[in-house]
PDB file of N, CA and C in Angstrom:
ATOM      1  N   UNK A   1      -9.757-117.008 171.906  1.00  0.00           N
ATOM      2  CA  UNK A   1      -9.499-115.510 170.857  1.00  0.00           C
ATOM      3  C   UNK A   1      -8.284-115.103 171.195  1.00  0.00           C
ATOM      4  N   UNK A   2      -7.915-115.140 171.963  1.00  0.00           N
ATOM      5  CA  UNK A   2      -6.805-113.959 172.323  1.00  0.00           C
ATOM      6  C   UNK A   2      -5.305-115.034 172.179  1.00  0.00           C
ATOM      7  N   UNK A   3      -5.461-116.462 172.448  1.00  0.00           N
ATOM      8  CA  UNK A   3      -4.232-117.461 172.407  1.00  0.00           C
ATOM      9  C   UNK A   3      -4.185-117.086 170.540  1.00  0.00           C
ATOM     10  N   UNK A   4      -5.427-117.496 170.266  1.00  0.00           N
ATOM     11  CA  UNK A   4      -4.803-117.886 168.492  1.00  0.00           C
ATOM     12  C   UNK A   4      -4.378-116.300 168.133  1.00  0.00           C
ATOM     13  N   UNK A   5      -5.232-115.428 168.610  1.00  0.00           N
ATOM     14  CA  UNK A   5      -4.308-113.802 168.281  1.00  0.00           C
ATOM     15  C   UNK A   5      -3.298-113.644 168.157  1.00  0.00           C
ATOM     16  N   UNK A   6      -2.637-114.478 169.553  1.00  0.00           N
ATOM     17  CA  UNK A   6      -1.613-114.031 169.664  1.00  0.00           C
ATOM     18  C   UNK A   6      -0.528-114.895 169.456  1.00  0.00           C
ATOM     19  N   UNK A   7      -0.593-116.149 168.790  1.00  0.00           N
ATOM     20  CA  UNK A   7      -0.095-116.785 167.665  1.00  0.00           C
ATOM     21  C   UNK A   7       0.333-115.901 166.732  1.00  0.00           C
ATOM     22  N   UNK A   8      -0.947-115.647 166.324  1.00  0.00           N
ATOM     23  CA  UNK A   8      -0.709-114.554 164.340  1.00  0.00           C
ATOM     24  C   UNK A   8       0.551-113.200 165.128  1.00  0.00           C
ATOM     25  N   UNK A   9      -0.301-112.812 165.823  1.00  0.00           N
ATOM     26  CA  UNK A   9       0.845-111.942 166.302  1.00  0.00           C
ATOM     27  C   UNK A   9       2.217-111.736 166.456  1.00  0.00           C
ATOM     28  N   UNK A  10       2.477-112.806 167.082  1.00  0.00           N
ATOM     29  CA  UNK A  10       4.278-113.179 167.331  1.00  0.00           C
ATOM     30  C   UNK A  10       3.984-113.456 166.043  1.00  0.00           C
ATOM     31  N   UNK A  11       3.559-114.243 164.970  1.00  0.00           N
ATOM     32  CA  UNK A  11       4.388-114.469 163.891  1.00  0.00           C
ATOM     33  C   UNK A  11       4.409-113.206 162.781  1.00  0.00           C
ATOM     34  N   UNK A  12       3.503-112.410 163.076  1.00  0.00           N
ATOM     35  CA  UNK A  12       3.806-110.949 162.352  1.00  0.00           C
ATOM     36  C   UNK A  12       5.074-109.974 162.842  1.00  0.00           C
ATOM     37  N   UNK A  13       5.522-110.052 164.399  1.00  0.00           N
ATOM     38  CA  UNK A  13       6.054-109.342 164.983  1.00  0.00           C
ATOM     39  C   UNK A  13       7.491-110.083 164.313  1.00  0.00           C
ATOM     40  N   UNK A  14       7.943-111.630 164.534  1.00  0.00           N
ATOM     41  CA  UNK A  14       8.967-112.494 163.759  1.00  0.00           C
ATOM     42  C   UNK A  14       9.633-111.705 162.049  1.00  0.00           C
ATOM     43  N   UNK A  15       7.997-111.764 161.592  1.00  0.00           N
ATOM     44  CA  UNK A  15       8.342-111.683 160.073  1.00  0.00           C
ATOM     45  C   UNK A  15       8.941-109.709 159.564  1.00  0.00           C
ATOM     46  N   UNK A  16       8.054-109.273 160.651  1.00  0.00           N
ATOM     47  CA  UNK A  16       8.166-107.999 160.032  1.00  0.00           C
ATOM     48  C   UNK A  16       9.388-107.228 160.861  1.00  0.00           C
ATOM     49  N   UNK A  17       9.673-107.612 161.913  1.00  0.00           N
ATOM     50  CA  UNK A  17      10.698-107.424 162.900  1.00  0.00           C
ATOM     51  C   UNK A  17      12.298-107.206 162.166  1.00  0.00           C
ATOM     52  N   UNK A  18      11.764-108.703 161.519  1.00  0.00           N
ATOM     53  CA  UNK A  18      13.423-108.989 160.896  1.00  0.00           C
ATOM     54  C   UNK A  18      13.591-108.306 159.168  1.00  0.00           C
ATOM     55  N   UNK A  19      12.548-108.443 158.643  1.00  0.00           N
ATOM     56  CA  UNK A  19      11.952-107.477 157.624  1.00  0.00           C
ATOM     57  C   UNK A  19      13.207-106.164 156.922  1.00  0.00           C
ATOM     58  N   UNK A  20      12.313-105.512 158.195  1.00  0.00           N
ATOM     59  CA  UNK A  20      12.856-103.972 158.686  1.00  0.00           C
ATOM     60  C   UNK A  20      13.671-104.193 159.340  1.00  0.00           C
ATOM     61  N   UNK A  21      14.645-105.219 159.805  1.00  0.00           N
ATOM     62  CA  UNK A  21      15.950-104.733 160.265  1.00  0.00           C
ATOM     63  C   UNK A  21      16.914-103.859 158.940  1.00  0.00           C
ATOM     64  N   UNK A  22      17.532-103.182 159.556  1.00  0.00           N
ATOM     65  CA  UNK A  22      19.152-102.683 158.766  1.00  0.00           C
ATOM     66  C   UNK A  22      19.986-103.621 159.037  1.00  0.00           C
ATOM     67  N   UNK A  23      20.507-104.448 158.235  1.00  0.00           N
ATOM     68  CA  UNK A  23      21.906-105.078 158.278  1.00  0.00           C
ATOM     69  C   UNK A  23      23.093-104.114 158.543  1.00  0.00           C
ATOM     70  N   UNK A  24      23.613-104.919 159.250  1.00  0.00           N
ATOM     71  CA  UNK A  24      25.204-103.952 159.371  1.00  0.00           C
ATOM     72  C   UNK A  24      25.536-103.172 160.559  1.00  0.00           C
ATOM     73  N   UNK A  25      24.328-102.715 160.958  1.00  0.00           N
ATOM     74  CA  UNK A  25      23.873-101.702 161.958  1.00  0.00           C
ATOM     75  C   UNK A  25      24.032-102.219 163.279  1.00  0.00           C
ATOM     76  N   UNK A  26      23.987-101.760 164.373  1.00  0.00           N
ATOM     77  CA  UNK A  26      23.679-101.805 165.883  1.00  0.00           C
ATOM     78  C   UNK A  26      22.022-101.468 166.550  1.00  0.00           C
ATOM     79  N   UNK A  27      21.400-100.154 165.814  1.00  0.00           N
ATOM     80  CA  UNK A  27      20.363-100.046 166.040  1.00  0.00           C
ATOM     81  C   UNK A  27      19.177-101.004 165.832  1.00  0.00           C
ATOM     82  N   UNK A  28      17.877-101.229 166.848  1.00  0.00           N
ATOM     83  CA  UNK A  28      17.754-101.913 166.003  1.00  0.00           C
ATOM     84  C   UNK A  28      15.629-101.514 165.779  1.00  0.00           C
ATOM     85  N   UNK A  29      15.918-101.302 164.500  1.00  0.00           N
ATOM     86  CA  UNK A  29      15.634-100.885 163.322  1.00  0.00           C
ATOM     87  C   UNK A  29      14.006-101.971 162.874  1.00  0.00           C
ATOM     88  N   UNK A  30      14.091-103.053 163.305  1.00  0.00           N
ATOM     89  CA  UNK A  30      12.778-103.766 163.483  1.00  0.00           C
ATOM     90  C   UNK A  30      12.094-103.330 164.463  1.00  0.00           C
ATOM     91  N   UNK A  31      12.487-103.218 165.417  1.00  0.00           N
ATOM     92  CA  UNK A  31      12.287-103.471 167.027  1.00  0.00           C
ATOM     93  C   UNK A  31      10.885-102.232 167.106  1.00  0.00           C
ATOM     94  N   UNK A  32      11.724-101.041 166.677  1.00  0.00           N
ATOM     95  CA  UNK A  32      11.540 -99.849 166.408  1.00  0.00           C
ATOM     96  C   UNK A  32      10.224 -99.818 164.856  1.00  0.00           C
ATOM     97  N   UNK A  33      10.199-100.713 164.176  1.00  0.00           N
ATOM     98  CA  UNK A  33       9.145-100.284 163.288  1.00  0.00           C
ATOM     99  C   UNK A  33       7.905-101.159 163.867  1.00  0.00           C
ATOM    100  N   UNK A  34       7.876-102.733 164.213  1.00  0.00           N
ATOM    101  CA  UNK A  34       7.102-103.389 164.992  1.00  0.00           C
ATOM    102  C   UNK A  34       6.610-102.176 166.253  1.00  0.00           C
ATOM    103  N   UNK A  35       7.189-101.735 167.239  1.00  0.00           N
ATOM    104  CA  UNK A  35       6.127-100.507 168.095  1.00  0.00           C
ATOM    105  C   UNK A  35       5.521-100.375 167.437  1.00  0.00           C
ATOM    106  N   UNK A  36       6.112 -98.962 166.633  1.00  0.00           N
ATOM    107  CA  UNK A  36       5.623 -98.145 165.761  1.00  0.00           C
ATOM    108  C   UNK A  36       4.208 -97.956 165.040  1.00  0.00           C
ATOM    109  N   UNK A  37       4.699 -99.278 164.016  1.00  0.00           N
ATOM    110  CA  UNK A  37       3.042 -99.769 163.600  1.00  0.00           C
ATOM    111  C   UNK A  37       2.330-100.473 164.478  1.00  0.00           C
ATOM    112  N   UNK A  38       2.716-100.804 165.602  1.00  0.00           N
ATOM    113  CA  UNK A  38       2.014-101.565 166.777  1.00  0.00           C
ATOM    114  C   UNK A  38       1.116-100.484 167.595  1.00  0.00           C
ATOM    115  N   UNK A  39       1.545 -99.262 167.984  1.00  0.00           N
ATOM    116  CA  UNK A  39       1.025 -98.395 168.601  1.00  0.00           C
ATOM    117  C   UNK A  39      -0.054 -97.943 167.299  1.00  0.00           C
ATOM    118  N   UNK A  40       0.482 -97.305 166.343  1.00  0.00           N
ATOM    119  CA  UNK A  40      -0.543 -97.072 165.595  1.00  0.00           C
ATOM    120  C   UNK A  40      -2.263 -97.849 165.617  1.00  0.00           C
ATOM    121  N   UNK A  41      -1.694 -99.627 165.287  1.00  0.00           N
ATOM    122  CA  UNK A  41      -2.846 -99.947 164.855  1.00  0.00           C
ATOM    123  C   UNK A  41      -3.468-100.496 166.257  1.00  0.00           C
ATOM    124  N   UNK A  42      -2.628-100.194 167.316  1.00  0.00           N
ATOM    125  CA  UNK A  42      -3.663-100.650 168.329  1.00  0.00           C
ATOM    126  C   UNK A  42      -4.774 -99.304 169.008  1.00  0.00           C
ATOM    127  N   UNK A  43      -4.058 -97.707 168.778  1.00  0.00           N
ATOM    128  CA  UNK A  43      -4.427 -96.802 168.688  1.00  0.00           C
ATOM    129  C   UNK A  43      -5.732 -96.505 167.922  1.00  0.00           C
ATOM    130  N   UNK A  44      -5.987 -97.180 166.746  1.00  0.00           N
ATOM    131  CA  UNK A  44      -7.063 -97.164 165.495  1.00  0.00           C
ATOM    132  C   UNK A  44      -7.979 -98.506 166.441  1.00  0.00           C
ATOM    133  N   UNK A  45      -7.474 -99.699 166.687  1.00  0.00           N
ATOM    134  CA  UNK A  45      -8.648-100.753 166.589  1.00  0.00           C
ATOM    135  C   UNK A  45      -9.178-100.516 167.981  1.00  0.00           C
ATOM    136  N   UNK A  46      -8.289-100.346 168.865  1.00  0.00           N
ATOM    137  CA  UNK A  46      -9.292 -99.672 169.949  1.00  0.00           C
ATOM    138  C   UNK A  46     -10.034 -98.801 169.859  1.00  0.00           C
ATOM    139  N   UNK A  47     -10.126 -97.599 169.343  1.00  0.00           N
ATOM    140  CA  UNK A  47     -10.823 -96.805 169.146  1.00  0.00           C
ATOM    141  C   UNK A  47     -12.182 -97.638 168.018  1.00  0.00           C
ATOM    142  N   UNK A  48     -12.085 -97.718 166.978  1.00  0.00           N
ATOM    143  CA  UNK A  48     -12.618 -98.253 165.771  1.00  0.00           C
ATOM    144  C   UNK A  48     -13.468 -99.541 166.293  1.00  0.00           C
ATOM    145  N   UNK A  49     -13.067-100.125 166.679  1.00  0.00           N
ATOM    146  CA  UNK A  49     -13.675-101.690 167.606  1.00  0.00           C
ATOM    147  C   UNK A  49     -14.927-101.229 168.443  1.00  0.00           C
ATOM    148  N   UNK A  50     -14.483-100.470 169.812  1.00  0.00           N
ATOM    149  CA  UNK A  50     -15.441-100.012 170.475  1.00  0.00           C
ATOM    150  C   UNK A  50     -16.537 -98.576 169.980  1.00  0.00           C
ATOM    151  N   UNK A  51     -15.870 -98.491 169.521  1.00  0.00           N
ATOM    152  CA  UNK A  51     -17.069 -96.822 168.353  1.00  0.00           C
ATOM    153  C   UNK A  51     -17.779 -96.888 167.539  1.00  0.00           C
ATOM    154  N   UNK A  52     -16.731 -97.510 166.207  1.00  0.00           N
ATOM    155  CA  UNK A  52     -17.726 -97.940 165.172  1.00  0.00           C
ATOM    156  C   UNK A  52     -17.846 -99.207 164.801  1.00  0.00           C
ATOM    157  N   UNK A  53     -17.892-100.085 165.686  1.00  0.00           N
ATOM    158  CA  UNK A  53     -18.295-101.355 165.289  1.00  0.00           C
ATOM    159  C   UNK A  53     -19.431-102.141 166.361  1.00  0.00           C
ATOM    160  N   UNK A  54     -19.633-103.309 166.263  1.00  0.00           N
ATOM    161  CA  UNK A  54     -20.427-104.011 166.640  1.00  0.00           C
ATOM    162  C   UNK A  54     -20.224-105.671 167.073  1.00  0.00           C
ATOM    163  N   UNK A  55     -18.642-105.495 166.919  1.00  0.00           N
ATOM    164  CA  UNK A  55     -18.038-106.872 166.529  1.00  0.00           C
ATOM    165  C   UNK A  55     -18.249-107.541 168.288  1.00  0.00           C
ATOM    166  N   UNK A  56     -17.845-108.880 167.884  1.00  0.00           N
ATOM    167  CA  UNK A  56     -18.078-109.079 169.555  1.00  0.00           C
ATOM    168  C   UNK A  56     -16.977-108.918 170.284  1.00  0.00           C
ATOM    169  N   UNK A  57     -17.322-109.117 172.240  1.00  0.00           N
ATOM    170  CA  UNK A  57     -16.665-108.819 172.610  1.00  0.00           C
ATOM    171  C   UNK A  57     -14.922-109.128 172.352  1.00  0.00           C
ATOM    172  N   UNK A  58     -15.146-110.997 171.965  1.00  0.00           N
ATOM    173  CA  UNK A  58     -14.394-112.111 171.806  1.00  0.00           C
ATOM    174  C   UNK A  58     -13.352-111.878 170.992  1.00  0.00           C
ATOM    175  N   UNK A  59     -14.365-110.926 169.618  1.00  0.00           N
ATOM    176  CA  UNK A  59     -13.085-110.374 168.745  1.00  0.00           C
ATOM    177  C   UNK A  59     -12.260-109.430 168.506  1.00  0.00           C
ATOM    178  N   UNK A  60     -12.592-108.469 169.204  1.00  0.00           N
ATOM    179  CA  UNK A  60     -12.007-106.952 169.961  1.00  0.00           C
ATOM    180  C   UNK A  60     -10.905-107.628 170.929  1.00  0.00           C
ATOM    181  N   UNK A  61     -11.040-108.807 171.694  1.00  0.00           N
ATOM    182  CA  UNK A  61     -10.025-108.858 172.552  1.00  0.00           C
ATOM    183  C   UNK A  61      -8.917-109.804 171.804  1.00  0.00           C
ATOM    184  N   UNK A  62      -9.215-110.534 170.759  1.00  0.00           N
ATOM    185  CA  UNK A  62      -8.788-111.500 170.276  1.00  0.00           C
ATOM    186  C   UNK A  62      -7.850-110.415 169.037  1.00  0.00           C
ATOM    187  N   UNK A  63      -7.700-109.702 168.769  1.00  0.00           N
ATOM    188  CA  UNK A  63      -7.145-108.643 168.341  1.00  0.00           C
ATOM    189  C   UNK A  63      -6.523-107.896 168.623  1.00  0.00           C
ATOM    190  N   UNK A  64      -6.683-107.156 170.303  1.00  0.00           N
ATOM    191  CA  UNK A  64      -6.541-105.661 170.527  1.00  0.00           C
ATOM    192  C   UNK A  64      -5.391-106.714 171.431  1.00  0.00           C
ATOM    193  N   UNK A  65      -5.983-107.473 172.170  1.00  0.00           N
ATOM    194  CA  UNK A  65      -4.872-108.188 173.535  1.00  0.00           C
ATOM    195  C   UNK A  65      -4.197-109.127 172.252  1.00  0.00           C
ATOM    196  N   UNK A  66      -5.058-110.253 171.879  1.00  0.00           N
ATOM    197  CA  UNK A  66      -3.965-111.243 171.287  1.00  0.00           C
ATOM    198  C   UNK A  66      -2.960-110.668 169.907  1.00  0.00           C
ATOM    199  N   UNK A  67      -3.735-110.218 168.868  1.00  0.00           N
ATOM    200  CA  UNK A  67      -2.549-110.030 167.996  1.00  0.00           C
ATOM    201  C   UNK A  67      -1.519-108.900 168.156  1.00  0.00           C
ATOM    202  N   UNK A  68      -2.614-107.861 168.647  1.00  0.00           N
ATOM    203  CA  UNK A  68      -1.384-106.692 169.077  1.00  0.00           C
ATOM    204  C   UNK A  68      -0.799-106.886 170.425  1.00  0.00           C
ATOM    205  N   UNK A  69      -0.452-107.152 171.592  1.00  0.00           N
ATOM    206  CA  UNK A  69      -0.387-107.765 172.496  1.00  0.00           C
ATOM    207  C   UNK A  69       1.685-108.838 172.242  1.00  0.00           C
ATOM    208  N   UNK A  70       1.309-109.341 171.085  1.00  0.00           N
ATOM    209  CA  UNK A  70       2.021-110.813 170.995  1.00  0.00           C
ATOM    210  C   UNK A  70       2.819-109.611 169.774  1.00  0.00           C
ATOM    211  N   UNK A  71       1.960-108.711 169.196  1.00  0.00           N
ATOM    212  CA  UNK A  71       2.723-108.171 168.490  1.00  0.00           C
ATOM    213  C   UNK A  71       4.097-106.896 168.468  1.00  0.00           C
ATOM    214  N   UNK A  72       3.498-106.278 169.265  1.00  0.00           N
ATOM    215  CA  UNK A  72       4.647-105.303 170.292  1.00  0.00           C
ATOM    216  C   UNK A  72       5.099-105.455 170.625  1.00  0.00           C
ATOM    217  N   UNK A  73       6.595-105.154 171.043  1.00  0.00           N
ATOM    218  CA  UNK A  73       7.380-105.910 171.451  1.00  0.00           C
ATOM    219  C   UNK A  73       8.319-104.887 172.622  1.00  0.00           C
ATOM    220  N   UNK A  74       7.535-104.510 173.929  1.00  0.00           N
ATOM    221  CA  UNK A  74       7.896-103.369 174.295  1.00  0.00           C
ATOM    222  C   UNK A  74       9.245-103.990 175.695  1.00  0.00           C
ATOM    223  N   UNK A  75       9.111-105.090 175.692  1.00  0.00           N
ATOM    224  CA  UNK A  75      10.061-105.616 176.570  1.00  0.00           C
ATOM    225  C   UNK A  75      11.441-105.614 175.759  1.00  0.00           C
ATOM    226  N   UNK A  76      11.624-106.251 174.031  1.00  0.00           N
ATOM    227  CA  UNK A  76      12.168-106.268 173.938  1.00  0.00           C
ATOM    228  C   UNK A  76      13.215-104.913 173.576  1.00  0.00           C
ATOM    229  N   UNK A  77      12.229-103.905 172.729  1.00  0.00           N
ATOM    230  CA  UNK A  77      12.589-102.559 172.984  1.00  0.00           C
ATOM    231  C   UNK A  77      13.468-102.299 174.713  1.00  0.00           C
ATOM    232  N   UNK A  78      12.802-102.653 175.156  1.00  0.00           N
ATOM    233  CA  UNK A  78      14.161-102.407 176.591  1.00  0.00           C
ATOM    234  C   UNK A  78      15.282-102.836 176.997  1.00  0.00           C
ATOM    235  N   UNK A  79      15.430-104.316 176.430  1.00  0.00           N
ATOM    236  CA  UNK A  79      16.034-105.233 176.625  1.00  0.00           C
ATOM    237  C   UNK A  79      17.469-104.493 175.257  1.00  0.00           C
ATOM    238  N   UNK A  80      16.962-104.444 174.150  1.00  0.00           N
ATOM    239  CA  UNK A  80      18.038-103.768 172.636  1.00  0.00           C
ATOM    240  C   UNK A  80      18.631-102.628 173.234  1.00  0.00           C
ATOM    241  N   UNK A  81      17.654-101.168 174.296  1.00  0.00           N
ATOM    242  CA  UNK A  81      18.130-100.271 174.450  1.00  0.00           C
ATOM    243  C   UNK A  81      18.529-100.122 175.512  1.00  0.00           C
ATOM    244  N   UNK A  82      19.277-101.518 176.437  1.00  0.00           N
ATOM    245  CA  UNK A  82      19.934-101.389 177.600  1.00  0.00           C
ATOM    246  C   UNK A  82      21.100-102.367 176.878  1.00  0.00           C
ATOM    247  N   UNK A  83      21.172-102.872 176.169  1.00  0.00           N
ATOM    248  CA  UNK A  83      22.400-103.680 175.323  1.00  0.00           C
ATOM    249  C   UNK A  83      22.960-102.014 174.547  1.00  0.00           C
ATOM    250  N   UNK A  84      22.192-101.320 174.353  1.00  0.00           N
ATOM    251  CA  UNK A  84      22.916-100.503 173.377  1.00  0.00           C
ATOM    252  C   UNK A  84      23.930 -99.447 174.641  1.00  0.00           C
ATOM    253  N   UNK A  85      23.159 -99.106 175.281  1.00  0.00           N
ATOM    254  CA  UNK A  85      23.593 -98.468 176.622  1.00  0.00           C
ATOM    255  C   UNK A  85      24.932 -99.246 176.911  1.00  0.00           C
ATOM    256  N   UNK A  86      25.183-100.779 176.940  1.00  0.00           N
ATOM    257  CA  UNK A  86      25.682-101.486 177.671  1.00  0.00           C
ATOM    258  C   UNK A  86      27.526-101.286 176.352  1.00  0.00           C
ATOM    259  N   UNK A  87      26.929-101.667 175.276  1.00  0.00           N
ATOM    260  CA  UNK A  87      28.171-101.475 174.550  1.00  0.00           C
ATOM    261  C   UNK A  87      28.690-100.514 174.369  1.00  0.00           C
ATOM    262  N   UNK A  88      28.106 -98.972 174.929  1.00  0.00           N
ATOM    263  CA  UNK A  88      28.657 -97.933 174.970  1.00  0.00           C
ATOM    264  C   UNK A  88      27.687 -96.790 173.389  1.00  0.00           C
ATOM    265  N   UNK A  89      26.713 -97.291 172.988  1.00  0.00           N
ATOM    266  CA  UNK A  89      26.125 -96.920 171.551  1.00  0.00           C
ATOM    267  C   UNK A  89      25.541 -95.599 172.093  1.00  0.00           C
ATOM    268  N   UNK A  90      25.736 -95.118 173.349  1.00  0.00           N
ATOM    269  CA  UNK A  90      24.596 -93.991 173.835  1.00  0.00           C
ATOM    270  C   UNK A  90      24.136 -93.528 172.871  1.00  0.00           C
ATOM    271  N   UNK A  91      24.159 -92.785 171.619  1.00  0.00           N
ATOM    272  CA  UNK A  91      23.795 -92.011 170.676  1.00  0.00           C
ATOM    273  C   UNK A  91      22.261 -92.650 170.220  1.00  0.00           C
ATOM    274  N   UNK A  92      22.680 -94.417 169.916  1.00  0.00           N
ATOM    275  CA  UNK A  92      21.675 -95.110 169.011  1.00  0.00           C
ATOM    276  C   UNK A  92      20.354 -95.015 169.974  1.00  0.00           C
ATOM    277  N   UNK A  93      21.304 -95.374 171.690  1.00  0.00           N
ATOM    278  CA  UNK A  93      19.567 -96.001 172.941  1.00  0.00           C
ATOM    279  C   UNK A  93      18.893 -94.549 172.859  1.00  0.00           C
ATOM    280  N   UNK A  94      19.533 -93.637 172.503  1.00  0.00           N
ATOM    281  CA  UNK A  94      18.330 -92.575 173.160  1.00  0.00           C
ATOM    282  C   UNK A  94      17.457 -91.930 171.715  1.00  0.00           C
ATOM    283  N   UNK A  95      18.352 -92.491 170.379  1.00  0.00           N
ATOM    284  CA  UNK A  95      17.058 -92.335 169.376  1.00  0.00           C
ATOM    285  C   UNK A  95      16.593 -93.577 169.397  1.00  0.00           C
ATOM    286  N   UNK A  96      16.710 -94.366 170.032  1.00  0.00           N
ATOM    287  CA  UNK A  96      15.861 -95.367 170.012  1.00  0.00           C
ATOM    288  C   UNK A  96      14.507 -94.955 171.168  1.00  0.00           C
ATOM    289  N   UNK A  97      15.041 -94.589 171.998  1.00  0.00           N
ATOM    290  CA  UNK A  97      13.627 -94.232 173.309  1.00  0.00           C
ATOM    291  C   UNK A  97      13.432 -93.016 172.675  1.00  0.00           C
ATOM    292  N   UNK A  98      14.097 -91.867 172.265  1.00  0.00           N
ATOM    293  CA  UNK A  98      13.007 -90.897 171.680  1.00  0.00           C
ATOM    294  C   UNK A  98      11.997 -91.289 170.514  1.00  0.00           C
ATOM    295  N   UNK A  99      12.737 -91.707 169.307  1.00  0.00           N
ATOM    296  CA  UNK A  99      11.677 -92.359 168.479  1.00  0.00           C
ATOM    297  C   UNK A  99      10.382 -93.207 168.795  1.00  0.00           C
ATOM    298  N   UNK A 100      10.731 -94.047 169.686  1.00  0.00           N
ATOM    299  CA  UNK A 100      10.096 -94.872 169.954  1.00  0.00           C
ATOM    300  C   UNK A 100       8.980 -94.294 170.844  1.00  0.00           C
ATOM    301  N   UNK A 101       9.400 -93.248 172.026  1.00  0.00           N
ATOM    302  CA  UNK A 101       8.079 -93.080 172.684  1.00  0.00           C
ATOM    303  C   UNK A 101       7.452 -92.019 171.998  1.00  0.00           C
ATOM    304  N   UNK A 102       8.048 -90.963 171.320  1.00  0.00           N
ATOM    305  CA  UNK A 102       7.383 -89.998 170.855  1.00  0.00           C
ATOM    306  C   UNK A 102       6.699 -90.642 169.322  1.00  0.00           C
ATOM    307  N   UNK A 103       7.070 -91.243 168.931  1.00  0.00           N
ATOM    308  CA  UNK A 103       6.860 -91.979 167.828  1.00  0.00           C
ATOM    309  C   UNK A 103       5.081 -92.733 168.065  1.00  0.00           C
ATOM    310  N   UNK A 104       5.854 -93.624 169.171  1.00  0.00           N
ATOM    311  CA  UNK A 104       4.832 -94.509 169.847  1.00  0.00           C
ATOM    312  C   UNK A 104       3.628 -93.373 170.299  1.00  0.00           C
ATOM    313  N   UNK A 105       3.429 -92.828 170.567  1.00  0.00           N
ATOM    314  CA  UNK A 105       2.429 -91.857 171.410  1.00  0.00           C
ATOM    315  C   UNK A 105       1.559 -91.004 170.428  1.00  0.00           C
ATOM    316  N   UNK A 106       2.316 -90.458 168.965  1.00  0.00           N
ATOM    317  CA  UNK A 106       1.976 -89.864 168.096  1.00  0.00           C
ATOM    318  C   UNK A 106       1.281 -91.255 167.426  1.00  0.00           C
ATOM    319  N   UNK A 107       1.936 -92.010 166.922  1.00  0.00           N
ATOM    320  CA  UNK A 107       0.696 -92.932 165.453  1.00  0.00           C
ATOM    321  C   UNK A 107      -0.647 -93.952 166.767  1.00  0.00           C
ATOM    322  N   UNK A 108      -0.620 -93.153 167.950  1.00  0.00           N
ATOM    323  CA  UNK A 108      -1.515 -93.786 168.811  1.00  0.00           C
ATOM    324  C   UNK A 108      -2.346 -93.177 168.900  1.00  0.00           C
ATOM    325  N   UNK A 109      -1.875 -91.829 168.496  1.00  0.00           N
ATOM    326  CA  UNK A 109      -3.065 -90.652 168.565  1.00  0.00           C
ATOM    327  C   UNK A 109      -3.691 -90.763 167.540  1.00  0.00           C
ATOM    328  N   UNK A 110      -2.462 -90.604 166.060  1.00  0.00           N
ATOM    329  CA  UNK A 110      -2.847 -90.527 164.951  1.00  0.00           C
ATOM    330  C   UNK A 110      -3.719 -91.996 164.348  1.00  0.00           C
ATOM    331  N   UNK A 111      -3.873 -93.451 165.208  1.00  0.00           N
ATOM    332  CA  UNK A 111      -4.583 -94.299 164.896  1.00  0.00           C
ATOM    333  C   UNK A 111      -5.938 -94.000 165.323  1.00  0.00           C
ATOM    334  N   UNK A 112      -6.442 -93.463 166.705  1.00  0.00           N
ATOM    335  CA  UNK A 112      -7.438 -93.124 167.505  1.00  0.00           C
ATOM    336  C   UNK A 112      -8.323 -91.791 166.296  1.00  0.00           C
ATOM    337  N   UNK A 113      -7.153 -91.263 165.977  1.00  0.00           N
ATOM    338  CA  UNK A 113      -7.901 -90.064 165.421  1.00  0.00           C
ATOM    339  C   UNK A 113      -8.578 -90.098 163.930  1.00  0.00           C
ATOM    340  N   UNK A 114      -8.070 -90.963 162.770  1.00  0.00           N
ATOM    341  CA  UNK A 114      -8.157 -92.180 161.884  1.00  0.00           C
ATOM    342  C   UNK A 114      -9.667 -92.916 162.216  1.00  0.00           C
ATOM    343  N   UNK A 115      -9.651 -93.041 163.723  1.00  0.00           N
ATOM    344  CA  UNK A 115     -10.919 -94.433 163.438  1.00  0.00           C
ATOM    345  C   UNK A 115     -12.110 -93.118 163.853  1.00  0.00           C
ATOM    346  N   UNK A 116     -12.173 -92.009 164.829  1.00  0.00           N
ATOM    347  CA  UNK A 116     -13.212 -91.019 164.650  1.00  0.00           C
ATOM    348  C   UNK A 116     -13.833 -90.643 163.490  1.00  0.00           C
ATOM    349  N   UNK A 117     -12.303 -90.804 162.475  1.00  0.00           N
ATOM    350  CA  UNK A 117     -13.177 -89.933 160.776  1.00  0.00           C
ATOM    351  C   UNK A 117     -14.221 -90.590 160.351  1.00  0.00           C
TER     352      UNK A 117
END
C-alpha cells in the first residue's frame, strides 16, 4: 500500500507542482503549494483516520506515508532555497522559508482541527 500510494503521490506532486509554478520568476511557488497542501492533508488525515474512522492500518499507512510522503517535497524545498541563496535571491529565499514553515505548521493545525470537528 505504501509503494502504491507513493507512486500516486509522486504523480500528484509533479502535476500540482508544475501547475502551481508561476512562469518567469525564480520563486519556487510550485514546491510551496505542494508543501502547504501536503501539510494540511497530512494534518487532517493523520488525525481523521486514527480518531474518526476504522480504516485498516495498511490503508492509513498507504495514504499518509505513501501518498503524502511522496507528495510533499521538503528536500526539494531545501535545495531550491539553497539555490535561491546561491543566486543572491535572499529575499525570495527568506520568503520561501518563512511561508513554508509558518504556513505548513498552521495548515497542519488547520487540518487536525478540521478532523476533530
